[in-house]
Amino acid sequence: MIIEERQSANGEKTYYRFRWGKASSDRISSGIFTWSKPKTQTERNHNKEALAILEIKRSQLIIDQQAVGTDYIPSHRYKNNFLDFYSDFVK
């Protein structure tokens, strides 16, 4: 799985998406962005945390793809309690 980068129109932000094939259906937007040229410490911290979250999402997608066709349910998908699942679903 590859993480693609795309610059915004004005060049201030970089958006990321996941790609695992060549078809357009083989790409998923991550919804995460970083600042191209961070000006403040807050923007630098945002970039570090966004890249860490991006790597976690990438790992979860890889595990999900490897679990297809098996009885294994990844821990980030499994909820012990129906009420916990339903509250996340409602949000």
PDB file of N, CA and C in Angstrom:
ATOM      1  N   MET A   1       0.846  -1.160   0.000  1.00  0.00           N
ATOM      2  CA  MET A   1       0.000   0.000   0.000  1.00  0.00           C
ATOM      3  C   MET A   1       0.898   1.233   0.000  1.00  0.00           C
ATOM      4  N   ILE A   2       0.544   2.166  -0.845  1.00  0.00           N
ATOM      5  CA  ILE A   2       1.335   3.372  -1.021  1.00  0.00           C
ATOM      6  C   ILE A   2       0.548   4.572  -0.508  1.00  0.00           C
ATOM      7  N   ILE A   3       1.241   5.493   0.108  1.00  0.00           N
ATOM      8  CA  ILE A   3       0.628   6.749   0.533  1.00  0.00           C
ATOM      9  C   ILE A   3       0.990   7.804  -0.499  1.00  0.00           C
ATOM     10  N   GLU A   4      -0.044   8.332  -1.168  1.00  0.00           N
ATOM     11  CA  GLU A   4       0.176   9.373  -2.172  1.00  0.00           C
ATOM     12  C   GLU A   4      -0.017  10.746  -1.550  1.00  0.00           C
ATOM     13  N   GLU A   5       0.730  11.695  -2.038  1.00  0.00           N
ATOM     14  CA  GLU A   5       0.626  13.079  -1.578  1.00  0.00           C
ATOM     15  C   GLU A   5       0.062  13.931  -2.710  1.00  0.00           C
ATOM     16  N   ARG A   6      -0.769  14.908  -2.341  1.00  0.00           N
ATOM     17  CA  ARG A   6      -1.334  15.824  -3.324  1.00  0.00           C
ATOM     18  C   ARG A   6      -1.331  17.223  -2.725  1.00  0.00           C
ATOM     19  N   GLN A   7      -0.775  18.174  -3.458  1.00  0.00           N
ATOM     20  CA  GLN A   7      -0.718  19.561  -3.004  1.00  0.00           C
ATOM     21  C   GLN A   7      -2.064  20.241  -3.231  1.00  0.00           C
ATOM     22  N   SER A   8      -2.420  21.153  -2.353  1.00  0.00           N
ATOM     23  CA  SER A   8      -3.626  21.954  -2.551  1.00  0.00           C
ATOM     24  C   SER A   8      -3.395  22.943  -3.690  1.00  0.00           C
ATOM     25  N   ALA A   9      -4.459  23.579  -4.127  1.00  0.00           N
ATOM     26  CA  ALA A   9      -4.348  24.500  -5.260  1.00  0.00           C
ATOM     27  C   ALA A   9      -3.418  25.671  -4.958  1.00  0.00           C
ATOM     28  N   ASN A  10      -3.448  26.155  -3.722  1.00  0.00           N
ATOM     29  CA  ASN A  10      -2.586  27.284  -3.372  1.00  0.00           C
ATOM     30  C   ASN A  10      -1.221  26.833  -2.833  1.00  0.00           C
ATOM     31  N   GLY A  11      -1.011  25.540  -2.663  1.00  0.00           N
ATOM     32  CA  GLY A  11       0.282  25.015  -2.246  1.00  0.00           C
ATOM     33  C   GLY A  11       0.565  25.096  -0.757  1.00  0.00           C
ATOM     34  N   GLU A  12      -0.425  25.469   0.050  1.00  0.00           N
ATOM     35  CA  GLU A  12      -0.201  25.581   1.485  1.00  0.00           C
ATOM     36  C   GLU A  12      -0.275  24.242   2.210  1.00  0.00           C
ATOM     37  N   LYS A  13      -1.095  23.331   1.720  1.00  0.00           N
ATOM     38  CA  LYS A  13      -1.315  22.064   2.408  1.00  0.00           C
ATOM     39  C   LYS A  13      -1.002  20.896   1.488  1.00  0.00           C
ATOM     40  N   THR A  14      -0.660  19.770   2.118  1.00  0.00           N
ATOM     41  CA  THR A  14      -0.462  18.516   1.408  1.00  0.00           C
ATOM     42  C   THR A  14      -1.494  17.532   1.925  1.00  0.00           C
ATOM     43  N   TYR A  15      -2.289  16.974   1.017  1.00  0.00           N
ATOM     44  CA  TYR A  15      -3.310  15.989   1.371  1.00  0.00           C
ATOM     45  C   TYR A  15      -2.789  14.594   1.036  1.00  0.00           C
ATOM     46  N   TYR A  16      -3.250  13.602   1.791  1.00  0.00           N
ATOM     47  CA  TYR A  16      -2.762  12.237   1.623  1.00  0.00           C
ATOM     48  C   TYR A  16      -3.908  11.293   1.298  1.00  0.00           C
ATOM     49  N   ARG A  17      -3.580  10.265   0.504  1.00  0.00           N
ATOM     50  CA  ARG A  17      -4.536   9.196   0.228  1.00  0.00           C
ATOM     51  C   ARG A  17      -3.772   7.884   0.099  1.00  0.00           C
ATOM     52  N   PHE A  18      -4.503   6.779   0.274  1.00  0.00           N
ATOM     53  CA  PHE A  18      -3.925   5.447   0.209  1.00  0.00           C
ATOM     54  C   PHE A  18      -4.218   4.845  -1.161  1.00  0.00           C
ATOM     55  N   ARG A  19      -3.212   4.186  -1.748  1.00  0.00           N
ATOM     56  CA  ARG A  19      -3.384   3.551  -3.051  1.00  0.00           C
ATOM     57  C   ARG A  19      -2.788   2.153  -2.993  1.00  0.00           C
ATOM     58  N   TRP A  20      -3.561   1.161  -3.474  1.00  0.00           N
ATOM     59  CA  TRP A  20      -3.052  -0.205  -3.502  1.00  0.00           C
ATOM     60  C   TRP A  20      -3.247  -0.845  -4.870  1.00  0.00           C
ATOM     61  N   GLY A  21      -3.638  -0.065  -5.865  1.00  0.00           N
ATOM     62  CA  GLY A  21      -3.792  -0.553  -7.227  1.00  0.00           C
ATOM     63  C   GLY A  21      -3.808   0.612  -8.189  1.00  0.00           C
ATOM     64  N   LYS A  22      -4.058   0.313  -9.467  1.00  0.00           N
ATOM     65  CA  LYS A  22      -4.030   1.371 -10.471  1.00  0.00           C
ATOM     66  C   LYS A  22      -5.413   1.917 -10.791  1.00  0.00           C
ATOM     67  N   ALA A  23      -6.462   1.190 -10.458  1.00  0.00           N
ATOM     68  CA  ALA A  23      -7.819   1.652 -10.760  1.00  0.00           C
ATOM     69  C   ALA A  23      -8.216   2.790  -9.818  1.00  0.00           C
ATOM     70  N   SER A  24      -9.180   3.589 -10.259  1.00  0.00           N
ATOM     71  CA  SER A  24      -9.607   4.707  -9.409  1.00  0.00           C
ATOM     72  C   SER A  24     -10.310   4.212  -8.158  1.00  0.00           C
ATOM     73  N   SER A  25     -10.873   3.014  -8.200  1.00  0.00           N
ATOM     74  CA  SER A  25     -11.522   2.463  -7.005  1.00  0.00           C
ATOM     75  C   SER A  25     -10.512   1.921  -6.001  1.00  0.00           C
ATOM     76  N   ASP A  26      -9.253   1.892  -6.352  1.00  0.00           N
ATOM     77  CA  ASP A  26      -8.197   1.400  -5.469  1.00  0.00           C
ATOM     78  C   ASP A  26      -7.499   2.524  -4.719  1.00  0.00           C
ATOM     79  N   ARG A  27      -8.177   3.653  -4.576  1.00  0.00           N
ATOM     80  CA  ARG A  27      -7.628   4.783  -3.831  1.00  0.00           C
ATOM     81  C   ARG A  27      -8.652   5.239  -2.799  1.00  0.00           C
ATOM     82  N   ILE A  28      -8.163   5.537  -1.606  1.00  0.00           N
ATOM     83  CA  ILE A  28      -9.024   6.028  -0.529  1.00  0.00           C
ATOM     84  C   ILE A  28      -8.397   7.290   0.035  1.00  0.00           C
ATOM     85  N   SER A  29      -9.203   8.317   0.179  1.00  0.00           N
ATOM     86  CA  SER A  29      -8.727   9.542   0.812  1.00  0.00           C
ATOM     87  C   SER A  29      -8.585   9.304   2.307  1.00  0.00           C
ATOM     88  N   SER A  30      -7.504   9.797   2.878  1.00  0.00           N
ATOM     89  CA  SER A  30      -7.283   9.607   4.310  1.00  0.00           C
ATOM     90  C   SER A  30      -7.952  10.695   5.133  1.00  0.00           C
ATOM     91  N   GLY A  31      -8.210  11.845   4.530  1.00  0.00           N
ATOM     92  CA  GLY A  31      -8.784  12.955   5.267  1.00  0.00           C
ATOM     93  C   GLY A  31      -7.767  13.684   6.135  1.00  0.00           C
ATOM     94  N   ILE A  32      -6.501  13.430   5.899  1.00  0.00           N
ATOM     95  CA  ILE A  32      -5.433  14.023   6.700  1.00  0.00           C
ATOM     96  C   ILE A  32      -4.616  14.964   5.823  1.00  0.00           C
ATOM     97  N   PHE A  33      -4.226  16.095   6.396  1.00  0.00           N
ATOM     98  CA  PHE A  33      -3.379  17.037   5.673  1.00  0.00           C
ATOM     99  C   PHE A  33      -2.250  17.494   6.582  1.00  0.00           C
ATOM    100  N   THR A  34      -1.196  17.978   5.954  1.00  0.00           N
ATOM    101  CA  THR A  34      -0.097  18.620   6.673  1.00  0.00           C
ATOM    102  C   THR A  34       0.176  19.957   5.994  1.00  0.00           C
ATOM    103  N   TRP A  35       0.819  20.836   6.710  1.00  0.00           N
ATOM    104  CA  TRP A  35       1.206  22.132   6.159  1.00  0.00           C
ATOM    105  C   TRP A  35       2.485  21.943   5.355  1.00  0.00           C
ATOM    106  N   SER A  36       2.539  22.498   4.144  1.00  0.00           N
ATOM    107  CA  SER A  36       3.725  22.353   3.295  1.00  0.00           C
ATOM    108  C   SER A  36       4.917  23.104   3.868  1.00  0.00           C
ATOM    109  N   LYS A  37       4.684  24.328   4.317  1.00  0.00           N
ATOM    110  CA  LYS A  37       5.742  25.126   4.937  1.00  0.00           C
ATOM    111  C   LYS A  37       5.214  25.647   6.271  1.00  0.00           C
ATOM    112  N   PRO A  38       5.366  24.857   7.335  1.00  0.00           N
ATOM    113  CA  PRO A  38       4.827  25.293   8.630  1.00  0.00           C
ATOM    114  C   PRO A  38       5.525  26.556   9.126  1.00  0.00           C
ATOM    115  N   LYS A  39       4.701  27.488   9.608  1.00  0.00           N
ATOM    116  CA  LYS A  39       5.234  28.777  10.059  1.00  0.00           C
ATOM    117  C   LYS A  39       5.358  28.852  11.572  1.00  0.00           C
ATOM    118  N   THR A  40       4.511  28.126  12.281  1.00  0.00           N
ATOM    119  CA  THR A  40       4.521  28.197  13.740  1.00  0.00           C
ATOM    120  C   THR A  40       4.808  26.810  14.318  1.00  0.00           C
ATOM    121  N   GLN A  41       5.073  26.803  15.612  1.00  0.00           N
ATOM    122  CA  GLN A  41       5.317  25.544  16.297  1.00  0.00           C
ATOM    123  C   GLN A  41       4.059  24.676  16.312  1.00  0.00           C
ATOM    124  N   THR A  42       2.905  25.301  16.379  1.00  0.00           N
ATOM    125  CA  THR A  42       1.647  24.559  16.355  1.00  0.00           C
ATOM    126  C   THR A  42       1.483  23.801  15.040  1.00  0.00           C
ATOM    127  N   GLU A  43       1.815  24.434  13.940  1.00  0.00           N
ATOM    128  CA  GLU A  43       1.724  23.772  12.638  1.00  0.00           C
ATOM    129  C   GLU A  43       2.736  22.634  12.526  1.00  0.00           C
ATOM    130  N   ARG A  44       3.934  22.806  13.086  1.00  0.00           N
ATOM    131  CA  ARG A  44       4.936  21.730  13.075  1.00  0.00           C
ATOM    132  C   ARG A  44       4.448  20.536  13.892  1.00  0.00           C
ATOM    133  N   ASN A  45       3.862  20.816  15.059  1.00  0.00           N
ATOM    134  CA  ASN A  45       3.322  19.737  15.894  1.00  0.00           C
ATOM    135  C   ASN A  45       2.171  19.028  15.182  1.00  0.00           C
ATOM    136  N   HIS A  46       1.338  19.803  14.492  1.00  0.00           N
ATOM    137  CA  HIS A  46       0.240  19.220  13.730  1.00  0.00           C
ATOM    138  C   HIS A  46       0.784  18.260  12.672  1.00  0.00           C
ATOM    139  N   ASN A  47       1.839  18.652  11.973  1.00  0.00           N
ATOM    140  CA  ASN A  47       2.431  17.797  10.948  1.00  0.00           C
ATOM    141  C   ASN A  47       2.939  16.484  11.534  1.00  0.00           C
ATOM    142  N   LYS A  48       3.628  16.540  12.676  1.00  0.00           N
ATOM    143  CA  LYS A  48       4.150  15.323  13.308  1.00  0.00           C
ATOM    144  C   LYS A  48       3.025  14.388  13.713  1.00  0.00           C
ATOM    145  N   GLU A  49       1.971  14.933  14.337  1.00  0.00           N
ATOM    146  CA  GLU A  49       0.862  14.106  14.790  1.00  0.00           C
ATOM    147  C   GLU A  49       0.062  13.567  13.608  1.00  0.00           C
ATOM    148  N   ALA A  50      -0.105  14.366  12.565  1.00  0.00           N
ATOM    149  CA  ALA A  50      -0.849  13.915  11.385  1.00  0.00           C
ATOM    150  C   ALA A  50      -0.129  12.765  10.692  1.00  0.00           C
ATOM    151  N   LEU A  51       1.190  12.828  10.608  1.00  0.00           N
ATOM    152  CA  LEU A  51       1.944  11.743   9.981  1.00  0.00           C
ATOM    153  C   LEU A  51       1.892  10.475  10.822  1.00  0.00           C
ATOM    154  N   ALA A  52       1.869  10.608  12.143  1.00  0.00           N
ATOM    155  CA  ALA A  52       1.739   9.432  13.006  1.00  0.00           C
ATOM    156  C   ALA A  52       0.367   8.784  12.825  1.00  0.00           C
ATOM    157  N   ILE A  53      -0.681   9.592  12.755  1.00  0.00           N
ATOM    158  CA  ILE A  53      -2.038   9.074  12.535  1.00  0.00           C
ATOM    159  C   ILE A  53      -2.136   8.420  11.162  1.00  0.00           C
ATOM    160  N   LEU A  54      -1.494   9.005  10.175  1.00  0.00           N
ATOM    161  CA  LEU A  54      -1.500   8.456   8.821  1.00  0.00           C
ATOM    162  C   LEU A  54      -0.883   7.057   8.801  1.00  0.00           C
ATOM    163  N   GLU A  55       0.197   6.872   9.518  1.00  0.00           N
ATOM    164  CA  GLU A  55       0.848   5.554   9.570  1.00  0.00           C
ATOM    165  C   GLU A  55      -0.035   4.533  10.287  1.00  0.00           C
ATOM    166  N   ILE A  56      -0.730   4.956  11.336  1.00  0.00           N
ATOM    167  CA  ILE A  56      -1.639   4.051  12.049  1.00  0.00           C
ATOM    168  C   ILE A  56      -2.785   3.628  11.138  1.00  0.00           C
ATOM    169  N   LYS A  57      -3.370   4.576  10.404  1.00  0.00           N
ATOM    170  CA  LYS A  57      -4.457   4.242   9.481  1.00  0.00           C
ATOM    171  C   LYS A  57      -3.972   3.291   8.390  1.00  0.00           C
ATOM    172  N   ARG A  58      -2.775   3.510   7.907  1.00  0.00           N
ATOM    173  CA  ARG A  58      -2.203   2.636   6.878  1.00  0.00           C
ATOM    174  C   ARG A  58      -2.060   1.215   7.408  1.00  0.00           C
ATOM    175  N   SER A  59      -1.574   1.087   8.626  1.00  0.00           N
ATOM    176  CA  SER A  59      -1.413  -0.228   9.226  1.00  0.00           C
ATOM    177  C   SER A  59      -2.756  -0.929   9.411  1.00  0.00           C
ATOM    178  N   GLN A  60      -3.771  -0.186   9.841  1.00  0.00           N
ATOM    179  CA  GLN A  60      -5.093  -0.774  10.031  1.00  0.00           C
ATOM    180  C   GLN A  60      -5.687  -1.234   8.699  1.00  0.00           C
ATOM    181  N   LEU A  61      -5.490  -0.476   7.629  1.00  0.00           N
ATOM    182  CA  LEU A  61      -6.000  -0.882   6.320  1.00  0.00           C
ATOM    183  C   LEU A  61      -5.298  -2.139   5.811  1.00  0.00           C
ATOM    184  N   ILE A  62      -4.006  -2.250   6.060  1.00  0.00           N
ATOM    185  CA  ILE A  62      -3.270  -3.449   5.642  1.00  0.00           C
ATOM    186  C   ILE A  62      -3.792  -4.670   6.389  1.00  0.00           C
ATOM    187  N   ILE A  63      -4.015  -4.540   7.692  1.00  0.00           N
ATOM    188  CA  ILE A  63      -4.543  -5.653   8.474  1.00  0.00           C
ATOM    189  C   ILE A  63      -5.940  -6.023   8.000  1.00  0.00           C
ATOM    190  N   ASP A  64      -6.775  -5.037   7.696  1.00  0.00           N
ATOM    191  CA  ASP A  64      -8.116  -5.309   7.182  1.00  0.00           C
ATOM    192  C   ASP A  64      -8.059  -6.086   5.868  1.00  0.00           C
ATOM    193  N   GLN A  65      -7.166  -5.696   4.972  1.00  0.00           N
ATOM    194  CA  GLN A  65      -7.060  -6.385   3.688  1.00  0.00           C
ATOM    195  C   GLN A  65      -6.552  -7.812   3.853  1.00  0.00           C
ATOM    196  N   GLN A  66      -5.646  -8.030   4.805  1.00  0.00           N
ATOM    197  CA  GLN A  66      -5.116  -9.369   5.013  1.00  0.00           C
ATOM    198  C   GLN A  66      -6.124 -10.286   5.702  1.00  0.00           C
ATOM    199  N   ALA A  67      -7.088  -9.714   6.412  1.00  0.00           N
ATOM    200  CA  ALA A  67      -8.071 -10.511   7.134  1.00  0.00           C
ATOM    201  C   ALA A  67      -9.260 -10.920   6.270  1.00  0.00           C
ATOM    202  N   VAL A  68      -9.359 -10.404   5.060  1.00  0.00           N
ATOM    203  CA  VAL A  68     -10.469 -10.757   4.177  1.00  0.00           C
ATOM    204  C   VAL A  68     -10.390 -12.241   3.840  1.00  0.00           C
ATOM    205  N   GLY A  69     -11.518 -12.926   3.975  1.00  0.00           N
ATOM    206  CA  GLY A  69     -11.575 -14.354   3.665  1.00  0.00           C
ATOM    207  C   GLY A  69     -11.212 -15.248   4.832  1.00  0.00           C
ATOM    208  N   THR A  70     -10.933 -14.666   5.977  1.00  0.00           N
ATOM    209  CA  THR A  70     -10.626 -15.463   7.162  1.00  0.00           C
ATOM    210  C   THR A  70     -11.661 -15.155   8.240  1.00  0.00           C
ATOM    211  N   ASP A  71     -11.628 -15.919   9.305  1.00  0.00           N
ATOM    212  CA  ASP A  71     -12.543 -15.677  10.418  1.00  0.00           C
ATOM    213  C   ASP A  71     -11.985 -14.676  11.415  1.00  0.00           C
ATOM    214  N   TYR A  72     -10.818 -14.170  11.156  1.00  0.00           N
ATOM    215  CA  TYR A  72     -10.168 -13.237  12.068  1.00  0.00           C
ATOM    216  C   TYR A  72     -10.794 -11.855  11.951  1.00  0.00           C
ATOM    217  N   ILE A  73     -11.112 -11.263  13.101  1.00  0.00           N
ATOM    218  CA  ILE A  73     -11.608  -9.888  13.153  1.00  0.00           C
ATOM    219  C   ILE A  73     -10.538  -9.042  13.823  1.00  0.00           C
ATOM    220  N   PRO A  74      -9.982  -8.035  13.126  1.00  0.00           N
ATOM    221  CA  PRO A  74      -8.955  -7.188  13.728  1.00  0.00           C
ATOM    222  C   PRO A  74      -9.479  -6.487  14.985  1.00  0.00           C
ATOM    223  N   SER A  75      -8.603  -6.257  15.927  1.00  0.00           N
ATOM    224  CA  SER A  75      -9.014  -5.685  17.212  1.00  0.00           C
ATOM    225  C   SER A  75      -9.583  -4.283  17.072  1.00  0.00           C
ATOM    226  N   HIS A  76      -9.156  -3.515  16.068  1.00  0.00           N
ATOM    227  CA  HIS A  76      -9.698  -2.175  15.906  1.00  0.00           C
ATOM    228  C   HIS A  76     -11.102  -2.202  15.295  1.00  0.00           C
ATOM    229  N   ARG A  77     -11.567  -3.363  14.816  1.00  0.00           N
ATOM    230  CA  ARG A  77     -12.915  -3.515  14.281  1.00  0.00           C
ATOM    231  C   ARG A  77     -13.867  -4.176  15.278  1.00  0.00           C
ATOM    232  N   TYR A  78     -13.318  -4.861  16.240  1.00  0.00           N
ATOM    233  CA  TYR A  78     -14.122  -5.659  17.148  1.00  0.00           C
ATOM    234  C   TYR A  78     -14.516  -4.850  18.375  1.00  0.00           C
ATOM    235  N   LYS A  79     -15.802  -4.896  18.709  1.00  0.00           N
ATOM    236  CA  LYS A  79     -16.316  -4.250  19.915  1.00  0.00           C
ATOM    237  C   LYS A  79     -16.856  -5.337  20.847  1.00  0.00           C
ATOM    238  N   ASN A  80     -16.454  -5.310  22.108  1.00  0.00           N
ATOM    239  CA  ASN A  80     -16.902  -6.310  23.072  1.00  0.00           C
ATOM    240  C   ASN A  80     -18.366  -6.129  23.445  1.00  0.00           C
ATOM    241  N   ASN A  81     -18.832  -4.922  23.427  1.00  0.00           N
ATOM    242  CA  ASN A  81     -20.161  -4.610  23.904  1.00  0.00           C
ATOM    243  C   ASN A  81     -20.966  -3.982  22.772  1.00  0.00           C
ATOM    244  N   PHE A  82     -22.221  -4.412  22.602  1.00  0.00           N
ATOM    245  CA  PHE A  82     -23.056  -3.857  21.546  1.00  0.00           C
ATOM    246  C   PHE A  82     -23.325  -2.374  21.771  1.00  0.00           C
ATOM    247  N   LEU A  83     -23.438  -1.948  23.004  1.00  0.00           N
ATOM    248  CA  LEU A  83     -23.711  -0.540  23.286  1.00  0.00           C
ATOM    249  C   LEU A  83     -22.538   0.342  22.859  1.00  0.00           C
ATOM    250  N   ASP A  84     -21.312  -0.152  23.045  1.00  0.00           N
ATOM    251  CA  ASP A  84     -20.141   0.591  22.565  1.00  0.00           C
ATOM    252  C   ASP A  84     -20.170   0.706  21.042  1.00  0.00           C
ATOM    253  N   PHE A  85     -20.491  -0.405  20.391  1.00  0.00           N
ATOM    254  CA  PHE A  85     -20.580  -0.397  18.929  1.00  0.00           C
ATOM    255  C   PHE A  85     -21.656   0.575  18.463  1.00  0.00           C
ATOM    256  N   TYR A  86     -22.817   0.526  19.098  1.00  0.00           N
ATOM    257  CA  TYR A  86     -23.933   1.377  18.678  1.00  0.00           C
ATOM    258  C   TYR A  86     -23.637   2.859  18.922  1.00  0.00           C
ATOM    259  N   SER A  87     -22.989   3.172  20.021  1.00  0.00           N
ATOM    260  CA  SER A  87     -22.654   4.577  20.282  1.00  0.00           C
ATOM    261  C   SER A  87     -21.660   5.100  19.244  1.00  0.00           C
ATOM    262  N   ASP A  88     -20.693   4.277  18.823  1.00  0.00           N
ATOM    263  CA  ASP A  88     -19.773   4.684  17.759  1.00  0.00           C
ATOM    264  C   ASP A  88     -20.505   4.817  16.433  1.00  0.00           C
ATOM    265  N   PHE A  89     -21.466   3.926  16.189  1.00  0.00           N
ATOM    266  CA  PHE A  89     -22.240   3.980  14.950  1.00  0.00           C
ATOM    267  C   PHE A  89     -23.070   5.243  14.879  1.00  0.00           C
ATOM    268  N   VAL A  90     -23.667   5.652  15.993  1.00  0.00           N
ATOM    269  CA  VAL A  90     -24.504   6.834  16.033  1.00  0.00           C
ATOM    270  C   VAL A  90     -23.676   8.093  15.820  1.00  0.00           C
ATOM    271  N   LYS A  91     -22.473   8.135  16.391  1.00  0.00           N
ATOM    272  CA  LYS A  91     -21.593   9.295  16.222  1.00  0.00           C
ATOM    273  C   LYS A  91     -21.180   9.425  14.782  1.00  0.00           C
TER     274      LYS A  91
END
